[in-house]
Amino acid sequence: MSRTDFNSLLDAGVHFGHLKRKWNPNMAPYIFAEKKGIHIIDLNKTVVKLDEATSALKNIARGGKKILFVATKKQAKDIVAAKVKPTGMPFVTERWSGGMLTNFGTIRRAIKKMAAIDRMKTDGTFDNMSKRERLQVMRQREKMEKNLGSIVDLTRLPSALFIVDVVKEHIAVAEARKLNIPIIAMVDTNSDPSLVDFPIPANDDATKSIDLIVDLAVAAVMEGLEERKQDKTQEAEGSAEETDEEEGEENDAEEDGGEKETVAANGSGNEDENNG
């Protein structure tokens, strides 16, 4: 069953592409028509591709893996930050730092440096620093936090990337492809869908369009996380039942053993009497 319908996409303006002269020929299979010099995206194909993308997102989240959301353009950054934060998934909405994936070790060192600065606040180190030194250190930390976004909690490379506008985020796309990290992305008529594992043909400029697609993506992630939670609960219950069964079998065995010993003892006593 589809997560959305044709009319919802139409109302959000998902079908509006770029000017014909700005198109990428690889988007031809997803273009329905041209109207007043603007390409119109085939929403029937968007529905199909959207279902494939959300299914992938759900499965990744259910597997307990991390999905990194990337959206640094003005229209998308606030939407992504607000919708993704409740999921606990990492996101980058300020600036993509070159090497964020391909040079992940350096990024981890920057994160550790931020943690070290935080410790300085509590262990008394700040008390021994001048006001100017404290200000410089805090500015450094604020800059790192702004650039790194919420990936401070990312201890390993993400299992997938969700990108709004692959043209703007071309560096992130290139790094993910180099590391064979799956990419799920909104692709407008000026984009190259062949660079993406799960392309979603959609208007990546209009706020309503971005809001709808990101909302559906986040809903899929939340669904996957909820199913993962249920799976763990069922496993825990199953383990508890197995433990109870094993304990019951052990008790039965002990009772059977006790009865046999009693029977054997009685039999031995009877033999003694007969011999006497």
C-alpha atoms as a PDB file:
ATOM      1  CA  MET A   1       0.000   0.000   0.000  1.00  0.00           C
ATOM      2  CA  SER A   2       1.347   3.436  -0.991  1.00  0.00           C
ATOM      3  CA  ARG A   3       2.300   5.878   1.724  1.00  0.00           C
ATOM      4  CA  THR A   4       0.883   8.778  -0.263  1.00  0.00           C
ATOM      5  CA  ASP A   5      -1.326   9.404  -3.262  1.00  0.00           C
ATOM      6  CA  PHE A   6      -1.219  11.356  -6.506  1.00  0.00           C
ATOM      7  CA  ASN A   7      -3.388  14.209  -5.205  1.00  0.00           C
ATOM      8  CA  SER A   8      -1.262  14.821  -2.106  1.00  0.00           C
ATOM      9  CA  LEU A   9       1.833  15.139  -4.273  1.00  0.00           C
ATOM     10  CA  LEU A  10      -0.044  17.387  -6.685  1.00  0.00           C
ATOM     11  CA  ASP A  11      -1.256  19.702  -3.900  1.00  0.00           C
ATOM     12  CA  ALA A  12       2.312  20.047  -2.587  1.00  0.00           C
ATOM     13  CA  GLY A  13       3.649  21.005  -6.013  1.00  0.00           C
ATOM     14  CA  VAL A  14       5.936  17.989  -6.183  1.00  0.00           C
ATOM     15  CA  HIS A  15       5.398  17.833  -9.966  1.00  0.00           C
ATOM     16  CA  PHE A  16       6.985  21.189 -10.807  1.00  0.00           C
ATOM     17  CA  GLY A  17      10.451  20.786 -12.287  1.00  0.00           C
ATOM     18  CA  HIS A  18      13.028  23.279 -13.580  1.00  0.00           C
ATOM     19  CA  LEU A  19      13.139  25.193 -16.840  1.00  0.00           C
ATOM     20  CA  LYS A  20      13.596  22.965 -19.856  1.00  0.00           C
ATOM     21  CA  ARG A  21      17.035  24.439 -20.627  1.00  0.00           C
ATOM     22  CA  LYS A  22      18.277  23.390 -17.169  1.00  0.00           C
ATOM     23  CA  TRP A  23      17.233  19.768 -17.389  1.00  0.00           C
ATOM     24  CA  ASN A  24      19.431  16.697 -17.032  1.00  0.00           C
ATOM     25  CA  PRO A  25      18.753  14.195 -19.846  1.00  0.00           C
ATOM     26  CA  ASN A  26      18.982  11.307 -17.373  1.00  0.00           C
ATOM     27  CA  MET A  27      15.729  12.553 -15.833  1.00  0.00           C
ATOM     28  CA  ALA A  28      13.855  11.930 -19.093  1.00  0.00           C
ATOM     29  CA  PRO A  29      12.112   8.742 -17.820  1.00  0.00           C
ATOM     30  CA  TYR A  30      10.565  10.726 -14.962  1.00  0.00           C
ATOM     31  CA  ILE A  31       9.338  13.718 -16.978  1.00  0.00           C
ATOM     32  CA  PHE A  32       5.669  13.709 -17.960  1.00  0.00           C
ATOM     33  CA  ALA A  33       5.488  16.828 -20.134  1.00  0.00           C
ATOM     34  CA  GLU A  34       6.617  20.397 -20.681  1.00  0.00           C
ATOM     35  CA  LYS A  35       4.405  23.365 -19.891  1.00  0.00           C
ATOM     36  CA  LYS A  36       5.377  26.969 -20.589  1.00  0.00           C
ATOM     37  CA  GLY A  37       9.048  26.048 -20.725  1.00  0.00           C
ATOM     38  CA  ILE A  38       8.943  24.120 -17.434  1.00  0.00           C
ATOM     39  CA  HIS A  39       9.259  20.361 -17.126  1.00  0.00           C
ATOM     40  CA  ILE A  40       6.476  18.513 -15.300  1.00  0.00           C
ATOM     41  CA  ILE A  41       7.435  15.446 -13.273  1.00  0.00           C
ATOM     42  CA  ASP A  42       5.406  12.250 -13.728  1.00  0.00           C
ATOM     43  CA  LEU A  43       3.827  11.824 -10.285  1.00  0.00           C
ATOM     44  CA  ASN A  44       2.769   8.256 -10.985  1.00  0.00           C
ATOM     45  CA  LYS A  45       6.449   7.355 -11.143  1.00  0.00           C
ATOM     46  CA  THR A  46       7.146   9.493  -8.081  1.00  0.00           C
ATOM     47  CA  VAL A  47       4.644   7.409  -6.083  1.00  0.00           C
ATOM     48  CA  VAL A  48       6.396   4.177  -7.122  1.00  0.00           C
ATOM     49  CA  LYS A  49       9.889   5.482  -6.384  1.00  0.00           C
ATOM     50  CA  LEU A  50       8.742   7.020  -3.114  1.00  0.00           C
ATOM     51  CA  ASP A  51       7.419   3.656  -1.944  1.00  0.00           C
ATOM     52  CA  GLU A  52      10.749   2.015  -2.808  1.00  0.00           C
ATOM     53  CA  ALA A  53      12.686   4.713  -0.947  1.00  0.00           C
ATOM     54  CA  THR A  54      10.532   4.671   2.188  1.00  0.00           C
ATOM     55  CA  SER A  55      10.660   0.878   2.290  1.00  0.00           C
ATOM     56  CA  ALA A  56      14.468   1.054   2.213  1.00  0.00           C
ATOM     57  CA  LEU A  57      14.493   3.673   4.982  1.00  0.00           C
ATOM     58  CA  LYS A  58      12.195   1.554   7.131  1.00  0.00           C
ATOM     59  CA  ASN A  59      14.347  -1.571   6.736  1.00  0.00           C
ATOM     60  CA  ILE A  60      17.565   0.296   7.541  1.00  0.00           C
ATOM     61  CA  ALA A  61      16.044   1.812  10.687  1.00  0.00           C
ATOM     62  CA  ARG A  62      14.580  -1.560  11.722  1.00  0.00           C
ATOM     63  CA  GLY A  63      18.059  -3.033  11.449  1.00  0.00           C
ATOM     64  CA  GLY A  64      19.312  -0.545  14.033  1.00  0.00           C
ATOM     65  CA  LYS A  65      21.476   1.322  11.530  1.00  0.00           C
ATOM     66  CA  LYS A  66      21.987   5.067  11.158  1.00  0.00           C
ATOM     67  CA  ILE A  67      20.717   7.221   8.278  1.00  0.00           C
ATOM     68  CA  LEU A  68      22.394  10.599   7.788  1.00  0.00           C
ATOM     69  CA  PHE A  69      20.022  13.312   6.536  1.00  0.00           C
ATOM     70  CA  VAL A  70      21.671  16.073   4.499  1.00  0.00           C
ATOM     71  CA  ALA A  71      19.920  19.334   3.579  1.00  0.00           C
ATOM     72  CA  THR A  72      21.851  22.590   3.698  1.00  0.00           C
ATOM     73  CA  LYS A  73      19.691  24.665   1.347  1.00  0.00           C
ATOM     74  CA  LYS A  74      17.659  27.431   2.922  1.00  0.00           C
ATOM     75  CA  GLN A  75      14.229  25.966   2.087  1.00  0.00           C
ATOM     76  CA  ALA A  76      15.057  22.544   3.535  1.00  0.00           C
ATOM     77  CA  LYS A  77      17.374  22.975   6.531  1.00  0.00           C
ATOM     78  CA  ASP A  78      14.760  23.944   9.128  1.00  0.00           C
ATOM     79  CA  ILE A  79      12.293  21.320   7.900  1.00  0.00           C
ATOM     80  CA  VAL A  80      14.857  18.527   8.089  1.00  0.00           C
ATOM     81  CA  ALA A  81      16.218  19.591  11.477  1.00  0.00           C
ATOM     82  CA  ALA A  82      12.732  19.761  13.034  1.00  0.00           C
ATOM     83  CA  LYS A  83      11.444  16.484  11.575  1.00  0.00           C
ATOM     84  CA  VAL A  84      14.563  14.332  11.915  1.00  0.00           C
ATOM     85  CA  LYS A  85      15.564  15.309  15.462  1.00  0.00           C
ATOM     86  CA  PRO A  86      12.817  13.203  17.185  1.00  0.00           C
ATOM     87  CA  THR A  87      14.063  10.073  15.377  1.00  0.00           C
ATOM     88  CA  GLY A  88      17.538  10.301  16.879  1.00  0.00           C
ATOM     89  CA  MET A  89      19.066  10.060  13.408  1.00  0.00           C
ATOM     90  CA  PRO A  90      22.034  12.348  12.580  1.00  0.00           C
ATOM     91  CA  PHE A  91      21.601  15.289  10.214  1.00  0.00           C
ATOM     92  CA  VAL A  92      23.662  18.044   8.599  1.00  0.00           C
ATOM     93  CA  THR A  93      21.831  21.290   7.849  1.00  0.00           C
ATOM     94  CA  GLU A  94      24.499  24.012   8.036  1.00  0.00           C
ATOM     95  CA  ARG A  95      27.412  23.100   5.805  1.00  0.00           C
ATOM     96  CA  TRP A  96      28.829  19.885   4.448  1.00  0.00           C
ATOM     97  CA  SER A  97      32.453  19.721   5.566  1.00  0.00           C
ATOM     98  CA  GLY A  98      34.572  18.104   2.879  1.00  0.00           C
ATOM     99  CA  GLY A  99      35.776  14.695   4.039  1.00  0.00           C
ATOM    100  CA  MET A 100      32.931  14.252   6.504  1.00  0.00           C
ATOM    101  CA  LEU A 101      32.640  10.657   5.282  1.00  0.00           C
ATOM    102  CA  THR A 102      35.881   9.910   3.438  1.00  0.00           C
ATOM    103  CA  ASN A 103      37.980  11.419   6.238  1.00  0.00           C
ATOM    104  CA  PHE A 104      35.765  10.285   9.084  1.00  0.00           C
ATOM    105  CA  GLY A 105      38.727   9.768  11.429  1.00  0.00           C
ATOM    106  CA  THR A 106      39.481  13.499  11.365  1.00  0.00           C
ATOM    107  CA  ILE A 107      35.833  14.281  12.055  1.00  0.00           C
ATOM    108  CA  ARG A 108      35.881  11.926  15.041  1.00  0.00           C
ATOM    109  CA  ARG A 109      38.945  13.744  16.389  1.00  0.00           C
ATOM    110  CA  ALA A 110      37.077  17.062  16.117  1.00  0.00           C
ATOM    111  CA  ILE A 111      34.176  15.516  18.031  1.00  0.00           C
ATOM    112  CA  LYS A 112      36.566  14.298  20.745  1.00  0.00           C
ATOM    113  CA  LYS A 113      38.000  17.800  20.957  1.00  0.00           C
ATOM    114  CA  MET A 114      34.505  19.162  21.566  1.00  0.00           C
ATOM    115  CA  ALA A 115      34.059  16.610  24.345  1.00  0.00           C
ATOM    116  CA  ALA A 116      37.410  17.649  25.843  1.00  0.00           C
ATOM    117  CA  ILE A 117      36.292  21.285  25.912  1.00  0.00           C
ATOM    118  CA  ASP A 118      33.083  20.237  27.648  1.00  0.00           C
ATOM    119  CA  ARG A 119      35.137  18.427  30.298  1.00  0.00           C
ATOM    120  CA  MET A 120      37.228  21.560  30.815  1.00  0.00           C
ATOM    121  CA  LYS A 121      34.067  23.331  31.988  1.00  0.00           C
ATOM    122  CA  THR A 122      33.489  20.836  34.764  1.00  0.00           C
ATOM    123  CA  ASP A 123      36.991  19.817  35.893  1.00  0.00           C
ATOM    124  CA  GLY A 124      38.057  23.339  36.853  1.00  0.00           C
ATOM    125  CA  THR A 125      40.346  23.979  33.866  1.00  0.00           C
ATOM    126  CA  PHE A 126      38.273  26.988  32.812  1.00  0.00           C
ATOM    127  CA  ASP A 127      38.821  28.554  36.236  1.00  0.00           C
ATOM    128  CA  ASN A 128      42.561  28.713  35.581  1.00  0.00           C
ATOM    129  CA  MET A 129      42.150  30.342  32.143  1.00  0.00           C
ATOM    130  CA  SER A 130      41.868  34.022  31.361  1.00  0.00           C
ATOM    131  CA  LYS A 131      38.574  35.408  30.122  1.00  0.00           C
ATOM    132  CA  ARG A 132      40.038  35.867  26.634  1.00  0.00           C
ATOM    133  CA  GLU A 133      41.279  32.243  26.463  1.00  0.00           C
ATOM    134  CA  ARG A 134      37.892  30.915  27.585  1.00  0.00           C
ATOM    135  CA  LEU A 135      36.160  33.004  24.929  1.00  0.00           C
ATOM    136  CA  GLN A 136      38.472  31.706  22.194  1.00  0.00           C
ATOM    137  CA  VAL A 137      37.942  28.084  23.237  1.00  0.00           C
ATOM    138  CA  MET A 138      34.159  28.479  23.354  1.00  0.00           C
ATOM    139  CA  ARG A 139      34.082  30.155  19.940  1.00  0.00           C
ATOM    140  CA  GLN A 140      36.103  27.261  18.564  1.00  0.00           C
ATOM    141  CA  ARG A 141      33.634  24.787  20.025  1.00  0.00           C
ATOM    142  CA  GLU A 142      30.603  26.680  18.670  1.00  0.00           C
ATOM    143  CA  LYS A 143      32.152  26.688  15.188  1.00  0.00           C
ATOM    144  CA  MET A 144      32.796  22.931  15.311  1.00  0.00           C
ATOM    145  CA  GLU A 145      29.288  22.240  16.590  1.00  0.00           C
ATOM    146  CA  LYS A 146      27.754  24.349  13.803  1.00  0.00           C
ATOM    147  CA  ASN A 147      29.750  22.562  11.111  1.00  0.00           C
ATOM    148  CA  LEU A 148      29.295  19.050  12.485  1.00  0.00           C
ATOM    149  CA  GLY A 149      25.606  19.360  13.272  1.00  0.00           C
ATOM    150  CA  SER A 150      24.122  16.371  15.054  1.00  0.00           C
ATOM    151  CA  ILE A 151      26.772  13.921  13.833  1.00  0.00           C
ATOM    152  CA  VAL A 152      28.561  14.373  17.158  1.00  0.00           C
ATOM    153  CA  ASP A 153      26.768  11.195  18.261  1.00  0.00           C
ATOM    154  CA  LEU A 154      27.781   9.286  15.127  1.00  0.00           C
ATOM    155  CA  THR A 155      30.414   6.768  16.213  1.00  0.00           C
ATOM    156  CA  ARG A 156      30.718   5.074  12.822  1.00  0.00           C
ATOM    157  CA  LEU A 157      29.916   5.749   9.181  1.00  0.00           C
ATOM    158  CA  PRO A 158      26.166   5.915   8.431  1.00  0.00           C
ATOM    159  CA  SER A 159      24.509   3.024   6.613  1.00  0.00           C
ATOM    160  CA  ALA A 160      22.691   5.379   4.216  1.00  0.00           C
ATOM    161  CA  LEU A 161      22.257   9.038   3.283  1.00  0.00           C
ATOM    162  CA  PHE A 162      19.001  10.864   2.663  1.00  0.00           C
ATOM    163  CA  ILE A 163      19.671  13.974   0.576  1.00  0.00           C
ATOM    164  CA  VAL A 164      17.539  16.933  -0.464  1.00  0.00           C
ATOM    165  CA  ASP A 165      18.959  18.310  -3.748  1.00  0.00           C
ATOM    166  CA  VAL A 166      21.831  16.158  -5.030  1.00  0.00           C
ATOM    167  CA  VAL A 167      23.104  19.043  -7.166  1.00  0.00           C
ATOM    168  CA  LYS A 168      23.747  21.275  -4.166  1.00  0.00           C
ATOM    169  CA  GLU A 169      25.022  18.374  -2.047  1.00  0.00           C
ATOM    170  CA  HIS A 170      27.270  16.982  -4.798  1.00  0.00           C
ATOM    171  CA  ILE A 171      30.235  16.619  -2.420  1.00  0.00           C
ATOM    172  CA  ALA A 172      28.177  14.459  -0.040  1.00  0.00           C
ATOM    173  CA  VAL A 173      26.989  12.384  -3.011  1.00  0.00           C
ATOM    174  CA  ALA A 174      30.562  11.892  -4.268  1.00  0.00           C
ATOM    175  CA  GLU A 175      31.819  10.822  -0.829  1.00  0.00           C
ATOM    176  CA  ALA A 176      28.945   8.377  -0.289  1.00  0.00           C
ATOM    177  CA  ARG A 177      29.472   6.825  -3.718  1.00  0.00           C
ATOM    178  CA  LYS A 178      33.195   6.457  -3.058  1.00  0.00           C
ATOM    179  CA  LEU A 179      32.449   4.542   0.137  1.00  0.00           C
ATOM    180  CA  ASN A 180      29.530   2.568  -1.392  1.00  0.00           C
ATOM    181  CA  ILE A 181      27.049   4.072   1.064  1.00  0.00           C
ATOM    182  CA  PRO A 182      23.478   3.862  -0.339  1.00  0.00           C
ATOM    183  CA  ILE A 183      21.893   7.197  -1.251  1.00  0.00           C
ATOM    184  CA  ILE A 184      18.191   8.010  -1.012  1.00  0.00           C
ATOM    185  CA  ALA A 185      17.441  11.425  -2.461  1.00  0.00           C
ATOM    186  CA  MET A 186      14.979  13.872  -3.941  1.00  0.00           C
ATOM    187  CA  VAL A 187      15.927  14.407  -7.582  1.00  0.00           C
ATOM    188  CA  ASP A 188      14.583  17.375  -9.531  1.00  0.00           C
ATOM    189  CA  THR A 189      14.650  17.666 -13.322  1.00  0.00           C
ATOM    190  CA  ASN A 190      18.146  19.228 -13.198  1.00  0.00           C
ATOM    191  CA  SER A 191      19.556  16.242 -11.266  1.00  0.00           C
ATOM    192  CA  ASP A 192      21.247  13.021 -12.318  1.00  0.00           C
ATOM    193  CA  PRO A 193      19.216  10.111 -10.839  1.00  0.00           C
ATOM    194  CA  SER A 194      21.871   7.594 -11.904  1.00  0.00           C
ATOM    195  CA  LEU A 195      24.027   8.813  -8.999  1.00  0.00           C
ATOM    196  CA  VAL A 196      21.361   7.773  -6.506  1.00  0.00           C
ATOM    197  CA  ASP A 197      20.383   4.279  -5.347  1.00  0.00           C
ATOM    198  CA  PHE A 198      16.800   5.277  -4.468  1.00  0.00           C
ATOM    199  CA  PRO A 199      15.828   8.407  -6.442  1.00  0.00           C
ATOM    200  CA  ILE A 200      12.593  10.222  -5.608  1.00  0.00           C
ATOM    201  CA  PRO A 201      11.574  12.395  -8.605  1.00  0.00           C
ATOM    202  CA  ALA A 202      10.306  15.558  -6.938  1.00  0.00           C
ATOM    203  CA  ASN A 203      10.502  19.326  -6.737  1.00  0.00           C
ATOM    204  CA  ASP A 204      13.430  19.961  -4.381  1.00  0.00           C
ATOM    205  CA  ASP A 205      12.975  23.741  -4.233  1.00  0.00           C
ATOM    206  CA  ALA A 206       9.406  24.295  -3.002  1.00  0.00           C
ATOM    207  CA  THR A 207       8.955  24.206   0.780  1.00  0.00           C
ATOM    208  CA  LYS A 208       5.674  22.249   0.592  1.00  0.00           C
ATOM    209  CA  SER A 209       7.220  19.598  -1.632  1.00  0.00           C
ATOM    210  CA  ILE A 210      10.262  19.183   0.610  1.00  0.00           C
ATOM    211  CA  ASP A 211       8.071  19.102   3.719  1.00  0.00           C
ATOM    212  CA  LEU A 212       5.870  16.318   2.322  1.00  0.00           C
ATOM    213  CA  ILE A 213       8.695  14.086   1.081  1.00  0.00           C
ATOM    214  CA  VAL A 214      10.787  14.506   4.233  1.00  0.00           C
ATOM    215  CA  ASP A 215       7.708  13.868   6.370  1.00  0.00           C
ATOM    216  CA  LEU A 216       7.078  10.567   4.571  1.00  0.00           C
ATOM    217  CA  ALA A 217      10.747   9.608   4.873  1.00  0.00           C
ATOM    218  CA  VAL A 218      10.782  10.331   8.606  1.00  0.00           C
ATOM    219  CA  ALA A 219       7.502   8.422   9.081  1.00  0.00           C
ATOM    220  CA  ALA A 220       9.126   5.378   7.451  1.00  0.00           C
ATOM    221  CA  VAL A 221      12.133   5.668   9.770  1.00  0.00           C
ATOM    222  CA  MET A 222       9.886   5.942  12.837  1.00  0.00           C
ATOM    223  CA  GLU A 223       7.939   2.900  11.681  1.00  0.00           C
ATOM    224  CA  GLY A 224      11.155   0.932  11.334  1.00  0.00           C
ATOM    225  CA  LEU A 225      12.315   2.004  14.798  1.00  0.00           C
ATOM    226  CA  GLU A 226       8.976   1.004  16.313  1.00  0.00           C
ATOM    227  CA  GLU A 227       9.115  -2.432  14.676  1.00  0.00           C
ATOM    228  CA  ARG A 228      12.679  -2.858  15.949  1.00  0.00           C
ATOM    229  CA  LYS A 229      11.418  -2.087  19.450  1.00  0.00           C
ATOM    230  CA  GLN A 230       8.651  -4.664  19.078  1.00  0.00           C
ATOM    231  CA  ASP A 231      11.129  -7.253  17.771  1.00  0.00           C
ATOM    232  CA  LYS A 232      13.326  -6.747  20.835  1.00  0.00           C
ATOM    233  CA  THR A 233      10.311  -7.066  23.156  1.00  0.00           C
ATOM    234  CA  GLN A 234       9.270 -10.322  21.496  1.00  0.00           C
ATOM    235  CA  GLU A 235      12.827 -11.669  21.714  1.00  0.00           C
ATOM    236  CA  ALA A 236      12.979 -10.790  25.411  1.00  0.00           C
ATOM    237  CA  GLU A 237       9.625 -12.492  26.038  1.00  0.00           C
ATOM    238  CA  GLY A 238      10.741 -15.527  24.049  1.00  0.00           C
ATOM    239  CA  SER A 239      13.965 -15.772  26.055  1.00  0.00           C
ATOM    240  CA  ALA A 240      12.001 -15.521  29.299  1.00  0.00           C
ATOM    241  CA  GLU A 241       9.642 -18.332  28.191  1.00  0.00           C
ATOM    242  CA  GLU A 242      12.583 -20.548  27.226  1.00  0.00           C
ATOM    243  CA  THR A 243      14.177 -19.925  30.616  1.00  0.00           C
ATOM    244  CA  ASP A 244      10.913 -20.845  32.384  1.00  0.00           C
ATOM    245  CA  GLU A 245      10.607 -24.022  30.319  1.00  0.00           C
ATOM    246  CA  GLU A 246      14.197 -25.016  31.074  1.00  0.00           C
ATOM    247  CA  GLU A 247      13.666 -24.416  34.791  1.00  0.00           C
ATOM    248  CA  GLY A 248      10.456 -26.459  34.641  1.00  0.00           C
ATOM    249  CA  GLU A 249      12.267 -29.345  32.924  1.00  0.00           C
ATOM    250  CA  GLU A 250      15.032 -29.224  35.523  1.00  0.00           C
ATOM    251  CA  ASN A 251      12.462 -29.323  38.349  1.00  0.00           C
ATOM    252  CA  ASP A 252      10.662 -32.269  36.702  1.00  0.00           C
ATOM    253  CA  ALA A 253      13.951 -34.083  36.333  1.00  0.00           C
ATOM    254  CA  GLU A 254      14.787 -33.463  39.987  1.00  0.00           C
ATOM    255  CA  GLU A 255      11.352 -34.738  41.059  1.00  0.00           C
ATOM    256  CA  ASP A 256      11.696 -37.863  38.889  1.00  0.00           C
ATOM    257  CA  GLY A 257      15.146 -38.456  40.317  1.00  0.00           C
ATOM    258  CA  GLY A 258      13.837 -38.099  43.867  1.00  0.00           C
ATOM    259  CA  GLU A 259      11.018 -40.590  43.211  1.00  0.00           C
ATOM    260  CA  LYS A 260      13.432 -43.127  41.755  1.00  0.00           C
ATOM    261  CA  GLU A 261      15.723 -42.801  44.765  1.00  0.00           C
ATOM    262  CA  THR A 262      12.744 -43.334  47.093  1.00  0.00           C
ATOM    263  CA  VAL A 263      11.614 -46.411  45.170  1.00  0.00           C
ATOM    264  CA  ALA A 264      15.140 -47.786  45.184  1.00  0.00           C
ATOM    265  CA  ALA A 265      15.469 -47.198  48.918  1.00  0.00           C
ATOM    266  CA  ASN A 266      12.149 -48.932  49.627  1.00  0.00           C
ATOM    267  CA  GLY A 267      13.116 -51.849  47.455  1.00  0.00           C
ATOM    268  CA  SER A 268      16.392 -52.240  49.276  1.00  0.00           C
ATOM    269  CA  GLY A 269      14.621 -52.208  52.649  1.00  0.00           C
ATOM    270  CA  ASN A 270      12.250 -54.988  51.554  1.00  0.00           C
ATOM    271  CA  GLU A 271      15.172 -57.141  50.445  1.00  0.00           C
ATOM    272  CA  ASP A 272      16.814 -56.746  53.851  1.00  0.00           C
ATOM    273  CA  GLU A 273      13.634 -57.859  55.612  1.00  0.00           C
ATOM    274  CA  ASN A 274      13.290 -60.912  53.390  1.00  0.00           C
ATOM    275  CA  ASN A 275      16.890 -61.854  53.995  1.00  0.00           C
ATOM    276  CA  GLY A 276      16.349 -61.473  57.712  1.00  0.00           C
END
